[in-house]
Amino acid sequence: DTALEGNCIYKILGSDKYVMIADQFR
């Protein structure tokens, strides 16, 4: 519910999940 930028997505090895991390710059 906050603005985001600087997103990075990567796979969790050995699974079907992808994690996205992002900067809550405000």
PDB file of all heavy atoms in Angstrom:
ATOM      1  N   ASP A   1       0.826  -1.204   0.000  1.00  0.00           N
ATOM      2  CA  ASP A   1       0.000   0.000   0.000  1.00  0.00           C
ATOM      3  C   ASP A   1       0.864   1.260   0.000  1.00  0.00           C
ATOM      4  O   ASP A   1       0.382   2.359   0.250  1.00  0.00           O
ATOM      5  CB  ASP A   1      -0.971   0.007   1.189  1.00  0.00           C
ATOM      6  CG  ASP A   1      -0.254  -0.114   2.534  1.00  0.00           C
ATOM      7  OD1 ASP A   1       0.994  -0.061   2.545  1.00  0.00           O
ATOM      8  OD2 ASP A   1      -0.944  -0.268   3.554  1.00  0.00           O
ATOM      9  N   THR A   2       2.146   1.103  -0.298  1.00  0.00           N
ATOM     10  CA  THR A   2       3.078   2.215  -0.426  1.00  0.00           C
ATOM     11  C   THR A   2       3.733   2.156  -1.803  1.00  0.00           C
ATOM     12  O   THR A   2       3.756   1.103  -2.454  1.00  0.00           O
ATOM     13  CB  THR A   2       4.175   2.169   0.649  1.00  0.00           C
ATOM     14  OG1 THR A   2       4.855   0.902   0.567  1.00  0.00           O
ATOM     15  CG2 THR A   2       3.579   2.310   2.041  1.00  0.00           C
ATOM     16  N   ALA A   3       4.276   3.279  -2.251  1.00  0.00           N
ATOM     17  CA  ALA A   3       4.962   3.333  -3.535  1.00  0.00           C
ATOM     18  C   ALA A   3       6.266   2.543  -3.472  1.00  0.00           C
ATOM     19  O   ALA A   3       6.973   2.561  -2.460  1.00  0.00           O
ATOM     20  CB  ALA A   3       5.232   4.782  -3.921  1.00  0.00           C
ATOM     21  N   LEU A   4       6.584   1.846  -4.560  1.00  0.00           N
ATOM     22  CA  LEU A   4       7.778   1.012  -4.625  1.00  0.00           C
ATOM     23  C   LEU A   4       8.612   1.356  -5.845  1.00  0.00           C
ATOM     24  O   LEU A   4       8.090   1.806  -6.866  1.00  0.00           O
ATOM     25  CB  LEU A   4       7.400  -0.477  -4.700  1.00  0.00           C
ATOM     26  CG  LEU A   4       6.555  -1.077  -3.584  1.00  0.00           C
ATOM     27  CD1 LEU A   4       6.215  -2.527  -3.922  1.00  0.00           C
ATOM     28  CD2 LEU A   4       7.266  -1.001  -2.246  1.00  0.00           C
ATOM     29  N   GLU A   5       9.922   1.088  -5.749  1.00  0.00           N
ATOM     30  CA  GLU A   5      10.826   1.152  -6.891  1.00  0.00           C
ATOM     31  C   GLU A   5      11.987   0.202  -6.601  1.00  0.00           C
ATOM     32  O   GLU A   5      12.025  -0.469  -5.570  1.00  0.00           O
ATOM     33  CB  GLU A   5      11.335   2.581  -7.122  1.00  0.00           C
ATOM     34  CG  GLU A   5      12.200   3.121  -5.998  1.00  0.00           C
ATOM     35  CD  GLU A   5      12.687   4.540  -6.261  1.00  0.00           C
ATOM     36  OE1 GLU A   5      12.087   5.238  -7.116  1.00  0.00           O
ATOM     37  OE2 GLU A   5      13.661   4.951  -5.593  1.00  0.00           O
ATOM     38  N   GLY A   6      12.948   0.148  -7.503  1.00  0.00           N
ATOM     39  CA  GLY A   6      14.113  -0.705  -7.271  1.00  0.00           C
ATOM     40  C   GLY A   6      13.764  -2.168  -7.122  1.00  0.00           C
ATOM     41  O   GLY A   6      14.331  -2.876  -6.287  1.00  0.00           O
ATOM     42  N   ASN A   7      12.842  -2.659  -7.934  1.00  0.00           N
ATOM     43  CA  ASN A   7      12.383  -4.036  -7.828  1.00  0.00           C
ATOM     44  C   ASN A   7      13.411  -5.022  -8.371  1.00  0.00           C
ATOM     45  O   ASN A   7      14.127  -4.750  -9.331  1.00  0.00           O
ATOM     46  CB  ASN A   7      11.062  -4.221  -8.569  1.00  0.00           C
ATOM     47  CG  ASN A   7      11.067  -3.582  -9.951  1.00  0.00           C
ATOM     48  OD1 ASN A   7      11.015  -2.356 -10.047  1.00  0.00           O
ATOM     49  ND2 ASN A   7      11.131  -4.382 -10.992  1.00  0.00           N
ATOM     50  N   CYS A   8      13.493  -6.169  -7.717  1.00  0.00           N
ATOM     51  CA  CYS A   8      14.379  -7.262  -8.116  1.00  0.00           C
ATOM     52  C   CYS A   8      13.609  -8.565  -7.912  1.00  0.00           C
ATOM     53  O   CYS A   8      13.077  -8.804  -6.826  1.00  0.00           O
ATOM     54  CB  CYS A   8      15.649  -7.253  -7.264  1.00  0.00           C
ATOM     55  SG  CYS A   8      16.636  -8.771  -7.358  1.00  0.00           S
ATOM     56  N   ILE A   9      13.534  -9.394  -8.950  1.00  0.00           N
ATOM     57  CA  ILE A   9      12.816 -10.663  -8.831  1.00  0.00           C
ATOM     58  C   ILE A   9      13.791 -11.820  -9.055  1.00  0.00           C
ATOM     59  O   ILE A   9      14.686 -11.734  -9.895  1.00  0.00           O
ATOM     60  CB  ILE A   9      11.628 -10.740  -9.822  1.00  0.00           C
ATOM     61  CG1 ILE A   9      10.735 -11.938  -9.494  1.00  0.00           C
ATOM     62  CG2 ILE A   9      12.084 -10.744 -11.269  1.00  0.00           C
ATOM     63  CD1 ILE A   9       9.357 -11.881 -10.126  1.00  0.00           C
ATOM     64  N   TYR A  10      13.642 -12.870  -8.254  1.00  0.00           N
ATOM     65  CA  TYR A  10      14.535 -14.015  -8.375  1.00  0.00           C
ATOM     66  C   TYR A  10      13.806 -15.275  -7.925  1.00  0.00           C
ATOM     67  O   TYR A  10      12.852 -15.231  -7.142  1.00  0.00           O
ATOM     68  CB  TYR A  10      15.808 -13.828  -7.558  1.00  0.00           C
ATOM     69  CG  TYR A  10      15.592 -13.612  -6.070  1.00  0.00           C
ATOM     70  CD1 TYR A  10      15.670 -14.679  -5.172  1.00  0.00           C
ATOM     71  CD2 TYR A  10      15.299 -12.349  -5.577  1.00  0.00           C
ATOM     72  CE1 TYR A  10      15.473 -14.479  -3.815  1.00  0.00           C
ATOM     73  CE2 TYR A  10      15.108 -12.138  -4.220  1.00  0.00           C
ATOM     74  CZ  TYR A  10      15.191 -13.208  -3.347  1.00  0.00           C
ATOM     75  OH  TYR A  10      14.988 -13.004  -1.992  1.00  0.00           O
ATOM     76  N   LYS A  11      14.275 -16.415  -8.451  1.00  0.00           N
ATOM     77  CA  LYS A  11      13.654 -17.704  -8.168  1.00  0.00           C
ATOM     78  C   LYS A  11      14.181 -18.278  -6.858  1.00  0.00           C
ATOM     79  O   LYS A  11      15.377 -18.178  -6.565  1.00  0.00           O
ATOM     80  CB  LYS A  11      13.931 -18.688  -9.300  1.00  0.00           C
ATOM     81  CG  LYS A  11      13.075 -19.952  -9.274  1.00  0.00           C
ATOM     82  CD  LYS A  11      13.357 -20.803 -10.514  1.00  0.00           C
ATOM     83  CE  LYS A  11      12.326 -21.902 -10.669  1.00  0.00           C
ATOM     84  NZ  LYS A  11      12.330 -22.873  -9.561  1.00  0.00           N
ATOM     85  N   ILE A  12      13.286 -18.859  -6.078  1.00  0.00           N
ATOM     86  CA  ILE A  12      13.698 -19.643  -4.916  1.00  0.00           C
ATOM     87  C   ILE A  12      14.078 -21.024  -5.430  1.00  0.00           C
ATOM     88  O   ILE A  12      13.243 -21.763  -5.950  1.00  0.00           O
ATOM     89  CB  ILE A  12      12.583 -19.722  -3.862  1.00  0.00           C
ATOM     90  CG1 ILE A  12      12.274 -18.326  -3.306  1.00  0.00           C
ATOM     91  CG2 ILE A  12      12.976 -20.675  -2.738  1.00  0.00           C
ATOM     92  CD1 ILE A  12      13.433 -17.653  -2.591  1.00  0.00           C
ATOM     93  N   LEU A  13      15.354 -21.341  -5.322  1.00  0.00           N
ATOM     94  CA  LEU A  13      15.878 -22.575  -5.905  1.00  0.00           C
ATOM     95  C   LEU A  13      15.170 -23.801  -5.349  1.00  0.00           C
ATOM     96  O   LEU A  13      14.883 -23.872  -4.152  1.00  0.00           O
ATOM     97  CB  LEU A  13      17.380 -22.659  -5.642  1.00  0.00           C
ATOM     98  CG  LEU A  13      18.197 -21.508  -6.246  1.00  0.00           C
ATOM     99  CD1 LEU A  13      19.624 -21.525  -5.713  1.00  0.00           C
ATOM    100  CD2 LEU A  13      18.182 -21.578  -7.759  1.00  0.00           C
ATOM    101  N   GLY A  14      14.873 -24.746  -6.219  1.00  0.00           N
ATOM    102  CA  GLY A  14      14.206 -25.976  -5.807  1.00  0.00           C
ATOM    103  C   GLY A  14      12.717 -25.830  -5.598  1.00  0.00           C
ATOM    104  O   GLY A  14      12.078 -26.728  -5.036  1.00  0.00           O
ATOM    105  N   SER A  15      12.146 -24.707  -6.041  1.00  0.00           N
ATOM    106  CA  SER A  15      10.709 -24.485  -5.878  1.00  0.00           C
ATOM    107  C   SER A  15      10.156 -23.820  -7.132  1.00  0.00           C
ATOM    108  O   SER A  15      10.900 -23.523  -8.077  1.00  0.00           O
ATOM    109  CB  SER A  15      10.434 -23.588  -4.662  1.00  0.00           C
ATOM    110  OG  SER A  15      10.659 -22.227  -4.979  1.00  0.00           O
ATOM    111  N   ASP A  16       8.855 -23.562  -7.128  1.00  0.00           N
ATOM    112  CA  ASP A  16       8.240 -22.823  -8.242  1.00  0.00           C
ATOM    113  C   ASP A  16       7.953 -21.380  -7.851  1.00  0.00           C
ATOM    114  O   ASP A  16       7.202 -20.681  -8.520  1.00  0.00           O
ATOM    115  CB  ASP A  16       6.958 -23.516  -8.711  1.00  0.00           C
ATOM    116  CG  ASP A  16       5.908 -23.635  -7.608  1.00  0.00           C
ATOM    117  OD1 ASP A  16       6.202 -23.283  -6.436  1.00  0.00           O
ATOM    118  OD2 ASP A  16       4.782 -24.076  -7.919  1.00  0.00           O
ATOM    119  N   LYS A  17       8.561 -20.919  -6.773  1.00  0.00           N
ATOM    120  CA  LYS A  17       8.307 -19.571  -6.268  1.00  0.00           C
ATOM    121  C   LYS A  17       9.332 -18.570  -6.803  1.00  0.00           C
ATOM    122  O   LYS A  17      10.516 -18.884  -6.909  1.00  0.00           O
ATOM    123  CB  LYS A  17       8.356 -19.558  -4.737  1.00  0.00           C
ATOM    124  CG  LYS A  17       7.267 -20.380  -4.069  1.00  0.00           C
ATOM    125  CD  LYS A  17       7.417 -20.330  -2.544  1.00  0.00           C
ATOM    126  CE  LYS A  17       6.350 -21.159  -1.854  1.00  0.00           C
ATOM    127  NZ  LYS A  17       6.526 -21.136  -0.371  1.00  0.00           N
ATOM    128  N   TYR A  18       8.846 -17.384  -7.088  1.00  0.00           N
ATOM    129  CA  TYR A  18       9.695 -16.240  -7.414  1.00  0.00           C
ATOM    130  C   TYR A  18       9.416 -15.151  -6.388  1.00  0.00           C
ATOM    131  O   TYR A  18       8.258 -14.805  -6.134  1.00  0.00           O
ATOM    132  CB  TYR A  18       9.400 -15.709  -8.814  1.00  0.00           C
ATOM    133  CG  TYR A  18       9.983 -16.562  -9.912  1.00  0.00           C
ATOM    134  CD1 TYR A  18       9.337 -17.743 -10.325  1.00  0.00           C
ATOM    135  CD2 TYR A  18      11.174 -16.206 -10.541  1.00  0.00           C
ATOM    136  CE1 TYR A  18       9.879 -18.530 -11.336  1.00  0.00           C
ATOM    137  CE2 TYR A  18      11.716 -16.995 -11.549  1.00  0.00           C
ATOM    138  CZ  TYR A  18      11.066 -18.138 -11.939  1.00  0.00           C
ATOM    139  OH  TYR A  18      11.603 -18.923 -12.929  1.00  0.00           O
ATOM    140  N   VAL A  19      10.479 -14.630  -5.815  1.00  0.00           N
ATOM    141  CA  VAL A  19      10.377 -13.560  -4.824  1.00  0.00           C
ATOM    142  C   VAL A  19      10.707 -12.229  -5.497  1.00  0.00           C
ATOM    143  O   VAL A  19      11.664 -12.137  -6.271  1.00  0.00           O
ATOM    144  CB  VAL A  19      11.340 -13.808  -3.639  1.00  0.00           C
ATOM    145  CG1 VAL A  19      11.492 -12.551  -2.782  1.00  0.00           C
ATOM    146  CG2 VAL A  19      10.843 -14.963  -2.788  1.00  0.00           C
ATOM    147  N   MET A  20       9.913 -11.213  -5.193  1.00  0.00           N
ATOM    148  CA  MET A  20      10.223  -9.854  -5.623  1.00  0.00           C
ATOM    149  C   MET A  20      10.485  -9.005  -4.390  1.00  0.00           C
ATOM    150  O   MET A  20       9.668  -8.964  -3.466  1.00  0.00           O
ATOM    151  CB  MET A  20       9.082  -9.234  -6.427  1.00  0.00           C
ATOM    152  CG  MET A  20       9.370  -7.787  -6.853  1.00  0.00           C
ATOM    153  SD  MET A  20       7.977  -7.000  -7.712  1.00  0.00           S
ATOM    154  CE  MET A  20       8.058  -7.844  -9.303  1.00  0.00           C
ATOM    155  N   ILE A  21      11.653  -8.349  -4.365  1.00  0.00           N
ATOM    156  CA  ILE A  21      11.962  -7.398  -3.313  1.00  0.00           C
ATOM    157  C   ILE A  21      11.978  -6.009  -3.937  1.00  0.00           C
ATOM    158  O   ILE A  21      12.390  -5.841  -5.091  1.00  0.00           O
ATOM    159  CB  ILE A  21      13.307  -7.717  -2.622  1.00  0.00           C
ATOM    160  CG1 ILE A  21      14.460  -7.767  -3.640  1.00  0.00           C
ATOM    161  CG2 ILE A  21      13.221  -9.046  -1.878  1.00  0.00           C
ATOM    162  CD1 ILE A  21      15.814  -8.033  -3.030  1.00  0.00           C
ATOM    163  N   ALA A  22      11.516  -5.008  -3.186  1.00  0.00           N
ATOM    164  CA  ALA A  22      11.438  -3.661  -3.744  1.00  0.00           C
ATOM    165  C   ALA A  22      11.595  -2.634  -2.632  1.00  0.00           C
ATOM    166  O   ALA A  22      11.255  -2.873  -1.470  1.00  0.00           O
ATOM    167  CB  ALA A  22      10.112  -3.460  -4.474  1.00  0.00           C
ATOM    168  N   ASP A  23      12.108  -1.491  -3.010  1.00  0.00           N
ATOM    169  CA  ASP A  23      12.429  -0.400  -2.099  1.00  0.00           C
ATOM    170  C   ASP A  23      11.182   0.462  -1.855  1.00  0.00           C
ATOM    171  O   ASP A  23      10.611   1.002  -2.799  1.00  0.00           O
ATOM    172  CB  ASP A  23      13.545   0.433  -2.747  1.00  0.00           C
ATOM    173  CG  ASP A  23      14.090   1.532  -1.846  1.00  0.00           C
ATOM    174  OD1 ASP A  23      13.503   1.782  -0.784  1.00  0.00           O
ATOM    175  OD2 ASP A  23      15.108   2.144  -2.230  1.00  0.00           O
ATOM    176  N   GLN A  24      10.778   0.556  -0.589  1.00  0.00           N
ATOM    177  CA  GLN A  24       9.716   1.496  -0.216  1.00  0.00           C
ATOM    178  C   GLN A  24      10.368   2.877  -0.047  1.00  0.00           C
ATOM    179  O   GLN A  24      10.645   3.312   1.065  1.00  0.00           O
ATOM    180  CB  GLN A  24       9.030   1.043   1.077  1.00  0.00           C
ATOM    181  CG  GLN A  24       8.357  -0.310   0.953  1.00  0.00           C
ATOM    182  CD  GLN A  24       7.653  -0.742   2.235  1.00  0.00           C
ATOM    183  OE1 GLN A  24       6.446  -0.904   2.280  1.00  0.00           O
ATOM    184  NE2 GLN A  24       8.428  -0.933   3.286  1.00  0.00           N
ATOM    185  N   PHE A  25      10.612   3.537  -1.169  1.00  0.00           N
ATOM    186  CA  PHE A  25      11.492   4.708  -1.174  1.00  0.00           C
ATOM    187  C   PHE A  25      10.915   5.895  -0.416  1.00  0.00           C
ATOM    188  O   PHE A  25      11.655   6.792  -0.007  1.00  0.00           O
ATOM    189  CB  PHE A  25      11.835   5.109  -2.614  1.00  0.00           C
ATOM    190  CG  PHE A  25      10.659   5.511  -3.462  1.00  0.00           C
ATOM    191  CD1 PHE A  25      10.355   6.842  -3.648  1.00  0.00           C
ATOM    192  CD2 PHE A  25       9.873   4.546  -4.079  1.00  0.00           C
ATOM    193  CE1 PHE A  25       9.281   7.223  -4.440  1.00  0.00           C
ATOM    194  CE2 PHE A  25       8.797   4.911  -4.874  1.00  0.00           C
ATOM    195  CZ  PHE A  25       8.497   6.256  -5.048  1.00  0.00           C
ATOM    196  N   ARG A  26       9.604   5.930  -0.176  1.00  0.00           N
ATOM    197  CA  ARG A  26       9.014   6.997   0.627  1.00  0.00           C
ATOM    198  C   ARG A  26       8.825   6.558   2.079  1.00  0.00           C
ATOM    199  O   ARG A  26       9.158   7.298   3.004  1.00  0.00           O
ATOM    200  CB  ARG A  26       7.669   7.422   0.044  1.00  0.00           C
ATOM    201  CG  ARG A  26       7.789   8.170  -1.275  1.00  0.00           C
ATOM    202  CD  ARG A  26       6.444   8.607  -1.782  1.00  0.00           C
ATOM    203  NE  ARG A  26       6.563   9.221  -3.105  1.00  0.00           N
ATOM    204  CZ  ARG A  26       5.607   9.221  -4.004  1.00  0.00           C
ATOM    205  NH1 ARG A  26       4.436   8.641  -3.739  1.00  0.00           N
ATOM    206  NH2 ARG A  26       5.777   9.802  -5.186  1.00  0.00           N
TER     207      ARG A  26
END
